[in-house]
Protein backbone atom coordinates (compact mmCIF):
# COMPACT_ATOMS: atom_id res chain seq x y z
CA UNK A 1 147.74 116.22 84.10
CA UNK A 2 144.46 116.45 86.02
CA UNK A 3 141.60 114.20 84.91
CA UNK A 4 137.86 114.75 85.06
CA UNK A 5 135.41 111.92 85.61
CA UNK A 6 131.74 111.24 84.96
CA UNK A 7 130.11 109.12 87.69
CA UNK A 8 126.70 107.43 87.81
CA UNK A 9 125.28 106.11 91.08
CA UNK A 10 124.79 104.20 93.17
CA UNK A 11 128.31 104.26 94.52
CA UNK A 12 130.62 105.67 97.18
CA UNK A 13 133.78 107.55 96.28
CA UNK A 14 136.85 108.72 98.19
CA UNK A 15 139.16 111.63 97.38
CA UNK A 16 142.61 110.09 97.36
CA UNK A 17 144.73 113.21 96.79
CA UNK A 18 144.36 116.87 96.00
CA UNK A 19 140.79 118.10 95.66
CA UNK A 20 137.69 117.08 93.73
CA UNK A 21 134.96 119.54 92.71
CA UNK A 22 131.37 118.27 92.40
CA UNK A 23 128.52 120.69 91.65
CA UNK A 24 130.77 123.57 92.62
CA UNK A 25 131.56 122.04 96.02
CA UNK A 26 135.16 121.34 97.00
CA UNK A 27 136.06 117.92 98.50
CA UNK A 28 139.47 117.33 100.03
CA UNK A 29 141.70 114.32 100.45
CA UNK A 30 140.13 111.61 102.62
CA UNK A 31 136.53 112.83 102.20
CA UNK A 32 133.90 110.33 101.07
CA UNK A 33 131.08 111.09 98.64
CA UNK A 34 127.78 109.21 98.26
CA UNK A 35 126.28 109.17 94.76
CA UNK A 36 122.67 107.96 94.90
CA UNK A 37 121.19 105.55 92.38
CA UNK A 38 119.37 108.17 90.34
CA UNK A 39 122.21 110.74 90.33
CA UNK A 40 125.17 111.40 88.04
CA UNK A 41 127.95 113.95 88.48
CA UNK A 42 130.96 115.32 86.67
CA UNK A 43 133.97 115.36 88.99
CA UNK A 44 136.76 117.85 88.29
CA UNK A 45 140.09 116.79 89.79
CA UNK A 46 142.99 119.02 90.80
CA UNK A 47 145.42 116.08 90.40
CA UNK A 48 145.59 113.03 88.20
CA UNK A 49 143.34 110.25 89.51
CA UNK A 50 142.21 112.25 92.56
CA UNK A 51 139.31 109.93 93.31
CA UNK A 52 138.58 106.22 93.59
CA UNK A 53 135.39 104.14 93.94
CA UNK A 54 134.81 102.34 97.24
CA UNK A 55 132.11 100.04 95.84
CA UNK A 56 131.59 97.89 92.76
CA UNK A 57 128.25 99.53 92.00
CA UNK A 58 127.65 102.46 89.69
CA UNK A 59 129.79 103.55 86.74
CA UNK A 60 132.85 105.80 86.47
CA UNK A 61 134.64 106.89 83.32
CA UNK A 62 136.78 109.76 82.13
CA UNK A 63 134.64 112.76 81.18
CA UNK A 64 134.65 113.80 77.54
CA UNK A 65 135.46 117.25 76.18
CA UNK A 66 131.81 118.39 75.81
CA UNK A 67 130.93 117.36 79.37
CA UNK A 68 133.92 119.26 80.76
CA UNK A 69 133.07 122.33 78.66
CA UNK A 70 129.50 122.45 80.01
CA UNK A 71 130.72 121.99 83.58
CA UNK A 72 133.20 124.85 83.14
CA UNK A 73 130.42 127.02 81.67
CA UNK A 74 128.30 126.34 84.77
CA UNK A 75 131.13 127.21 87.15
CA UNK A 76 131.89 130.41 85.24
CA UNK A 77 128.21 131.46 85.25
CA UNK A 78 127.89 130.63 88.96
CA UNK A 79 131.03 132.62 89.77
CA UNK A 80 129.81 135.63 87.75
CA UNK A 81 126.45 135.61 89.54
CA UNK A 82 128.17 135.18 92.90
CA UNK A 83 130.43 138.14 92.16
CA UNK A 84 127.39 140.27 91.29
CA UNK A 85 125.61 139.18 94.48
CA UNK A 86 128.64 140.01 96.61
CA UNK A 87 128.44 143.62 95.46
CA UNK A 88 124.78 144.15 96.44
CA UNK A 89 122.63 143.80 99.55
CA UNK A 90 119.94 141.70 97.80
CA UNK A 91 120.18 139.03 95.12
CA UNK A 92 117.51 136.68 93.76
CA UNK A 93 118.34 134.05 91.13
CA UNK A 94 115.49 132.31 89.28
CA UNK A 95 116.54 129.00 87.66
CA UNK A 96 114.41 127.78 84.72
CA UNK A 97 114.37 124.89 82.29
CA UNK A 98 112.59 121.74 81.22
CA UNK A 99 112.48 118.51 83.22
CA UNK A 100 115.97 116.94 83.47
CA UNK A 101 117.61 120.10 82.08
CA UNK A 102 119.92 120.40 85.10
CA UNK A 103 118.06 123.04 87.15
CA UNK A 104 118.60 121.39 90.54
CA UNK A 105 122.24 120.57 89.83
CA UNK A 106 122.94 124.13 88.69
CA UNK A 107 121.13 125.51 91.77
CA UNK A 108 123.38 123.37 93.98
CA UNK A 109 126.44 124.52 92.01
CA UNK A 110 125.50 128.16 92.53
CA UNK A 111 124.79 127.59 96.23
CA UNK A 112 128.18 125.92 96.68
CA UNK A 113 130.03 128.75 94.93
CA UNK A 114 128.20 131.29 97.10
CA UNK A 115 129.14 129.39 100.27
CA UNK A 116 132.75 129.18 99.10
CA UNK A 117 132.70 132.98 98.64
CA UNK A 118 131.23 133.63 102.12
CA UNK A 119 127.63 134.27 100.96
CA UNK A 120 124.84 132.38 102.72
CA UNK A 121 121.92 131.85 100.32
CA UNK A 122 118.41 130.56 100.86
CA UNK A 123 117.47 127.79 98.42
CA UNK A 124 113.75 127.77 97.55
CA UNK A 125 112.59 124.57 95.87
CA UNK A 126 109.56 125.31 93.70
CA UNK A 127 109.30 121.87 92.07
CA UNK A 128 106.15 120.43 93.67
CA UNK A 129 106.44 117.17 91.71
CA UNK A 130 110.08 116.34 92.42
CA UNK A 131 111.10 118.33 95.47
CA UNK A 132 114.76 118.12 96.44
CA UNK A 133 114.70 119.53 99.97
CA UNK A 134 111.07 118.99 100.97
CA UNK A 135 108.01 116.82 100.48
CA UNK A 136 106.17 116.41 97.15
CA UNK A 137 103.25 118.80 96.86
CA UNK A 138 105.09 121.51 98.82
CA UNK A 139 107.24 124.51 97.99
CA UNK A 140 110.20 124.08 100.32
CA UNK A 141 113.14 126.16 101.46
CA UNK A 142 116.34 126.03 103.45
CA UNK A 143 119.20 128.34 104.43
CA UNK A 144 122.37 126.89 102.90
CA UNK A 145 125.27 127.42 105.30
CA UNK A 146 127.50 124.55 104.25
CA UNK A 147 128.47 122.64 101.11
CA UNK A 148 125.44 120.93 99.59
CA UNK A 149 124.96 117.74 97.58
CA UNK A 150 121.60 116.13 96.87
CA UNK A 151 120.01 114.27 99.80
CA UNK A 152 116.91 112.08 100.01
CA UNK A 153 115.71 113.11 103.46
CA UNK A 154 113.35 116.14 103.63
CA UNK A 155 115.04 119.10 105.32
CA UNK A 156 112.81 122.10 104.57
CA UNK A 157 112.77 124.91 107.14
CA UNK A 158 109.76 126.83 105.79
CA UNK A 159 107.18 125.43 103.35
CA UNK A 160 103.98 126.19 101.47
CA UNK A 161 101.48 123.47 100.54
CA UNK A 162 100.36 123.64 96.90
CA UNK A 163 98.42 120.38 97.17
CA UNK A 164 99.38 118.76 93.88
CA UNK A 165 102.39 117.16 92.23
CA UNK A 166 102.11 119.25 89.07
CA UNK A 167 102.00 123.03 88.64
CA UNK A 168 99.57 122.69 85.71
CA UNK A 169 96.25 124.13 86.80
CA UNK A 170 97.83 125.39 90.02
CA UNK A 171 100.06 128.12 88.61
CA UNK A 172 98.69 130.82 90.87
CA UNK A 173 99.07 128.68 93.99
CA UNK A 174 102.72 128.05 93.07
CA UNK A 175 103.31 131.75 92.43
CA UNK A 176 101.60 132.72 95.69
CA UNK A 177 103.58 130.07 97.55
CA UNK A 178 106.94 131.15 96.14
CA UNK A 179 106.31 134.81 96.93
CA UNK A 180 105.05 133.91 100.44
CA UNK A 181 108.18 131.85 101.21
CA UNK A 182 110.41 134.57 99.74
CA UNK A 183 108.71 137.27 101.83
CA UNK A 184 109.06 135.16 104.98
CA UNK A 185 112.84 135.22 104.64
CA UNK A 186 112.95 138.86 103.57
CA UNK A 187 111.19 139.85 106.81
CA UNK A 188 113.90 137.88 108.63
CA UNK A 189 116.68 139.85 106.88
CA UNK A 190 117.73 137.10 104.48
CA UNK A 191 118.83 138.74 101.23
CA UNK A 192 120.29 136.08 98.91
CA UNK A 193 118.00 133.57 97.17
CA UNK A 194 118.21 130.76 94.63
CA UNK A 195 114.79 129.67 93.34
CA UNK A 196 114.80 126.24 91.67
CA UNK A 197 111.60 125.93 89.61
CA UNK A 198 109.61 123.00 88.20
CA UNK A 199 110.23 121.45 84.77
CA UNK A 200 107.16 122.81 83.01
CA UNK A 201 108.84 125.08 80.49
CA UNK A 202 109.13 125.77 76.77
CA UNK A 203 105.56 126.29 75.53
CA UNK A 204 103.40 129.41 75.71
CA UNK A 205 101.34 128.40 78.78
CA UNK A 206 104.36 127.48 80.89
CA UNK A 207 106.27 130.56 79.72
CA UNK A 208 103.42 132.88 80.73
CA UNK A 209 103.39 131.20 84.15
CA UNK A 210 107.14 131.66 84.58
CA UNK A 211 106.91 135.23 83.28
CA UNK A 212 104.40 135.95 86.05
CA UNK A 213 107.11 134.88 88.50
CA UNK A 214 109.58 137.24 86.84
CA UNK A 215 107.04 140.06 86.97
CA UNK A 216 106.30 139.62 90.69
CA UNK A 217 109.71 138.62 92.05
CA UNK A 218 111.86 140.88 89.86
CA UNK A 219 114.90 138.57 90.10
CA UNK A 220 118.33 140.11 89.79
CA UNK A 221 119.33 137.09 87.68
CA UNK A 222 117.47 134.52 85.57
CA UNK A 223 119.28 131.34 84.54
CA UNK A 224 117.73 129.40 81.65
CA UNK A 225 119.08 125.90 80.97
CA UNK A 226 118.46 124.26 77.60
CA UNK A 227 120.11 122.48 74.70
CA UNK A 228 117.69 124.32 72.43
CA UNK A 229 118.87 127.87 73.11
CA UNK A 230 116.05 129.37 71.01
CA UNK A 231 113.42 128.74 73.72
CA UNK A 232 115.66 130.50 76.25
CA UNK A 233 116.24 133.42 73.86
CA UNK A 234 112.48 133.81 73.38
CA UNK A 235 111.96 133.77 77.15
CA UNK A 236 114.81 136.25 77.69
CA UNK A 237 113.28 138.71 75.23
CA UNK A 238 109.91 138.55 76.99
CA UNK A 239 111.40 138.65 80.51
CA UNK A 240 113.45 141.79 79.78
CA UNK A 241 110.23 143.63 78.92
CA UNK A 242 108.75 142.80 82.33
CA UNK A 243 111.91 143.12 84.40
CA UNK A 244 114.48 145.19 82.46
CA UNK A 245 117.08 145.10 85.25
CA UNK A 246 117.17 141.29 85.45
CA UNK A 247 120.31 139.71 83.98
CA UNK A 248 119.40 136.62 81.93
CA UNK A 249 122.00 133.86 81.55
CA UNK A 250 121.47 131.15 78.93
CA UNK A 251 123.36 128.03 79.97
CA UNK A 252 123.76 124.65 78.27
CA UNK A 253 122.09 121.57 79.72
CA UNK A 254 124.36 118.59 80.47
CA UNK A 255 124.98 116.49 77.33
CA UNK A 256 124.66 113.31 79.41
CA UNK A 257 122.51 112.92 82.48
CA UNK A 258 120.87 110.20 84.52
CA UNK A 259 117.49 109.85 82.83
CA UNK A 260 114.53 109.26 85.14
CA UNK A 261 111.36 107.77 83.69
CA UNK A 262 107.91 108.25 85.21
CA UNK A 263 108.20 105.14 87.39
CA UNK A 264 111.54 106.27 88.81
CA UNK A 265 110.14 109.71 89.57
CA UNK A 266 107.18 108.11 91.40
CA UNK A 267 109.62 106.05 93.47
CA UNK A 268 111.68 109.14 94.32
CA UNK A 269 108.57 110.96 95.53
CA UNK A 270 107.76 108.04 97.82
CA UNK A 271 111.28 107.85 99.21
CA UNK A 272 110.83 111.32 100.72
CA UNK A 273 108.25 109.87 103.10
CA UNK A 274 109.86 108.01 105.99
CA UNK A 275 106.90 106.48 107.81
CA UNK A 276 109.10 105.48 110.75
CA UNK A 277 109.75 109.18 111.45
CA UNK A 278 106.07 110.17 111.46
CA UNK A 279 103.98 110.37 114.63
CA UNK A 280 100.22 109.91 114.97
CA UNK A 281 98.16 112.92 116.05
CA UNK A 282 94.46 113.15 116.89
CA UNK A 283 92.95 116.51 115.91
CA UNK A 284 89.45 117.76 116.67
CA UNK A 285 87.92 119.26 113.53
CA UNK A 286 85.89 121.82 115.49
CA UNK A 287 89.18 123.20 116.88
CA UNK A 288 91.38 122.54 113.83
CA UNK A 289 89.26 123.04 110.71
CA UNK A 290 90.01 121.62 107.27
CA UNK A 291 89.87 123.71 104.12
CA UNK A 292 90.62 122.99 100.48
CA UNK A 293 89.57 119.97 98.45
CA UNK A 294 87.43 118.97 101.45
CA UNK A 295 86.39 121.66 103.94
CA UNK A 296 85.06 120.74 107.39
CA UNK A 297 84.96 122.51 110.74
CA UNK A 298 84.25 125.92 109.25
CA UNK A 299 80.47 125.67 109.64
CA UNK A 300 77.92 124.35 112.15
CA UNK A 301 77.26 120.63 112.80
CA UNK A 302 73.69 119.75 111.83
CA UNK A 303 71.27 116.89 111.22
CA UNK A 304 69.89 115.91 107.82
CA UNK A 305 66.25 115.02 107.12
CA UNK A 306 65.23 111.37 107.57
CA UNK A 307 64.43 110.96 103.86
CA UNK A 308 67.97 111.98 102.95
CA UNK A 309 69.40 109.33 105.26
CA UNK A 310 67.80 106.77 102.96
CA UNK A 311 69.90 108.21 100.13
CA UNK A 312 73.12 108.67 102.08
CA UNK A 313 72.90 105.48 104.12
CA UNK A 314 75.31 105.51 107.06
CA UNK A 315 75.75 109.24 107.74
CA UNK A 316 78.85 109.94 109.84
CA UNK A 317 78.72 113.72 110.01
CA UNK A 318 76.84 116.69 108.57
CA UNK A 319 77.80 120.34 108.65
CA UNK A 320 76.04 123.45 107.33
CA UNK A 321 78.41 125.76 105.50
CA UNK A 322 76.77 128.95 104.25
CA UNK A 323 74.05 127.75 101.80
CA UNK A 324 75.30 124.13 101.55
CA UNK A 325 75.15 121.11 103.85
CA UNK A 326 78.21 118.85 103.70
CA UNK A 327 77.34 115.19 104.39
CA UNK A 328 80.08 112.65 105.13
CA UNK A 329 78.87 109.09 104.76
CA UNK A 330 80.11 105.52 104.81
CA UNK A 331 79.46 102.79 102.26
CA UNK A 332 78.63 102.70 98.55
CA UNK A 333 79.21 105.69 96.31
CA UNK A 334 76.26 108.09 95.99
CA UNK A 335 75.57 109.26 92.45
CA UNK A 336 72.50 111.34 93.36
CA UNK A 337 72.97 115.10 93.08
CA UNK A 338 70.77 117.14 95.41
CA UNK A 339 70.58 120.90 95.54
CA UNK A 340 72.08 122.38 98.73
CA UNK A 341 73.78 119.08 99.68
CA UNK A 342 77.31 117.79 98.97
CA UNK A 343 77.99 114.11 99.74
CA UNK A 344 81.53 112.98 100.63
CA UNK A 345 82.48 109.34 101.07
CA UNK A 346 84.78 108.78 104.04
CA UNK A 347 87.16 106.90 101.73
CA UNK A 348 88.20 110.24 100.24
CA UNK A 349 90.02 111.03 103.47
CA UNK A 350 92.12 107.85 103.48
CA UNK A 351 95.85 108.52 102.96
CA UNK A 352 95.23 112.09 101.79
CA UNK A 353 98.32 114.32 101.84
CA UNK A 354 97.61 117.50 103.79
CA UNK A 355 99.37 120.69 104.84
CA UNK A 356 99.33 121.51 108.55
CA UNK A 357 99.48 125.27 109.02
CA UNK A 358 101.17 126.53 112.18
CA UNK A 359 100.76 130.02 113.77
CA UNK A 360 103.75 131.38 111.79
CA UNK A 361 102.20 130.38 108.45
CA UNK A 362 104.63 127.48 107.92
CA UNK A 363 103.03 124.46 106.24
CA UNK A 364 103.98 121.00 107.54
CA UNK A 365 103.57 117.58 105.93
CA UNK A 366 100.83 115.20 107.02
CA UNK A 367 98.96 112.05 105.91
CA UNK A 368 95.37 111.43 107.00
CA UNK A 369 95.34 107.95 108.50
CA UNK A 370 91.68 107.85 109.46
CA UNK A 371 88.63 109.76 110.65
CA UNK A 372 86.19 109.41 113.53
CA UNK A 373 83.55 111.93 112.63
CA UNK A 374 81.27 111.18 115.56
CA UNK A 375 83.83 113.06 117.68
CA UNK A 376 84.56 114.63 115.12
CA UNK A 377 88.27 113.81 114.97
CA UNK A 378 90.89 113.16 112.34
CA UNK A 379 94.02 111.02 112.72
CA UNK A 380 97.15 112.31 111.00
CA UNK A 381 100.70 110.99 110.58
CA UNK A 382 103.21 113.84 110.64
CA UNK A 383 106.76 114.69 111.77
CA UNK A 384 105.42 117.97 113.19
CA UNK A 385 104.45 118.14 116.88
CA UNK A 386 103.66 121.85 117.33
CA UNK A 387 100.43 123.84 117.27
CA UNK A 388 98.22 123.53 114.18
CA UNK A 389 95.83 126.34 113.27
CA UNK A 390 94.13 124.57 110.37
CA UNK A 391 94.55 121.78 107.80
CA UNK A 392 94.88 122.23 104.03
CA UNK A 393 93.36 119.29 102.12
CA UNK A 394 94.23 118.13 98.60
CA UNK A 395 93.68 115.61 95.81
CA UNK A 396 96.98 113.77 96.29
CA UNK A 397 97.39 110.61 98.32
CA UNK A 398 100.04 108.30 99.71
CA UNK A 399 99.53 105.07 97.79
CA UNK A 400 101.72 101.96 97.56
CA UNK A 401 104.83 103.77 98.75
CA UNK A 402 104.53 106.92 96.67
CA UNK A 403 102.37 110.04 96.16
CA UNK A 404 99.73 109.97 93.42
CA UNK A 405 96.82 112.11 92.27
CA UNK A 406 93.50 110.93 93.68
CA UNK A 407 90.93 109.57 91.22
CA UNK A 408 88.01 110.34 93.54
């Protein structure tokens, strides 16, 4: 009789005979599987004892009846959606639920079942706080053309910079970003999408935000994951009024999952940033302007009156933008508020996470390493080496190995 196992990382496994199914992906005899420290999976075996651990780390036990039932429910739902998608020329699946409800795991399960059935989907990761395929602060995306299991390394093909690690207060930027990424692929004749959303869900504010997504995207399918089915039923009733043709699937969350506290989630955000793979670039602000939390290079360099220099101290750069003069200075914080002047301490630039926008509209990851505003130039660490049209600034920073909200 075939057994099913529940595995918690970190560990490495090997399929010893038959096949093992993890997140809808099929692994055959001799294949090895890496389970990361913050991940847990249910493994469905085709034969008794189809898998063995190759390390002493992690935990492995026989899965219980409830865990197996939920896993089978996921596979059945994924197969039903895949069957629907196979019969149409366009299919968009919106995956919703609270933090740790299983959204990412279900999205991978659906992607794997689509691949198995010869459908190539695009996975759009809309979780700006805990991105799976891209950098924190970004909406990321990737064409899935082979079996997928969670990886640490960023691998986004087309991104949109939201500029924060929470959707709260940035709902419209997230919605704009998701629709922009979706439209990019639609213009390139991609027709099958899985949209994995953030974990803000369940109350009125978050539901209105997610309903806006339903209204604009008109998904063919909505998958709502929850142990409290009532919140999914309420959302389904509202969603059907805005998008009557959308099929809404209410699916159980896993009964047991690898819980991640706030510290662990901070660490995971930091692990996406591999400093050794970033290169330093020197960009001239007059040629590559900055816009967003701090905007420079969109106006005309200017001088400030002598009496203001006594207030600002060591002035590094001044620029007139419309009816305001932006003054970047060095030294102690300035508390004085003066009409028509905005004072920015150079420290606000340090380690700021930015989006580098290329001519195609793709947003690339960057960290401001320093500024030399006499030039005026900005030094950025980034994996991207192509042309940059402009820089999107933010209030998030790289700090002590992770990404945090700035307190400036």
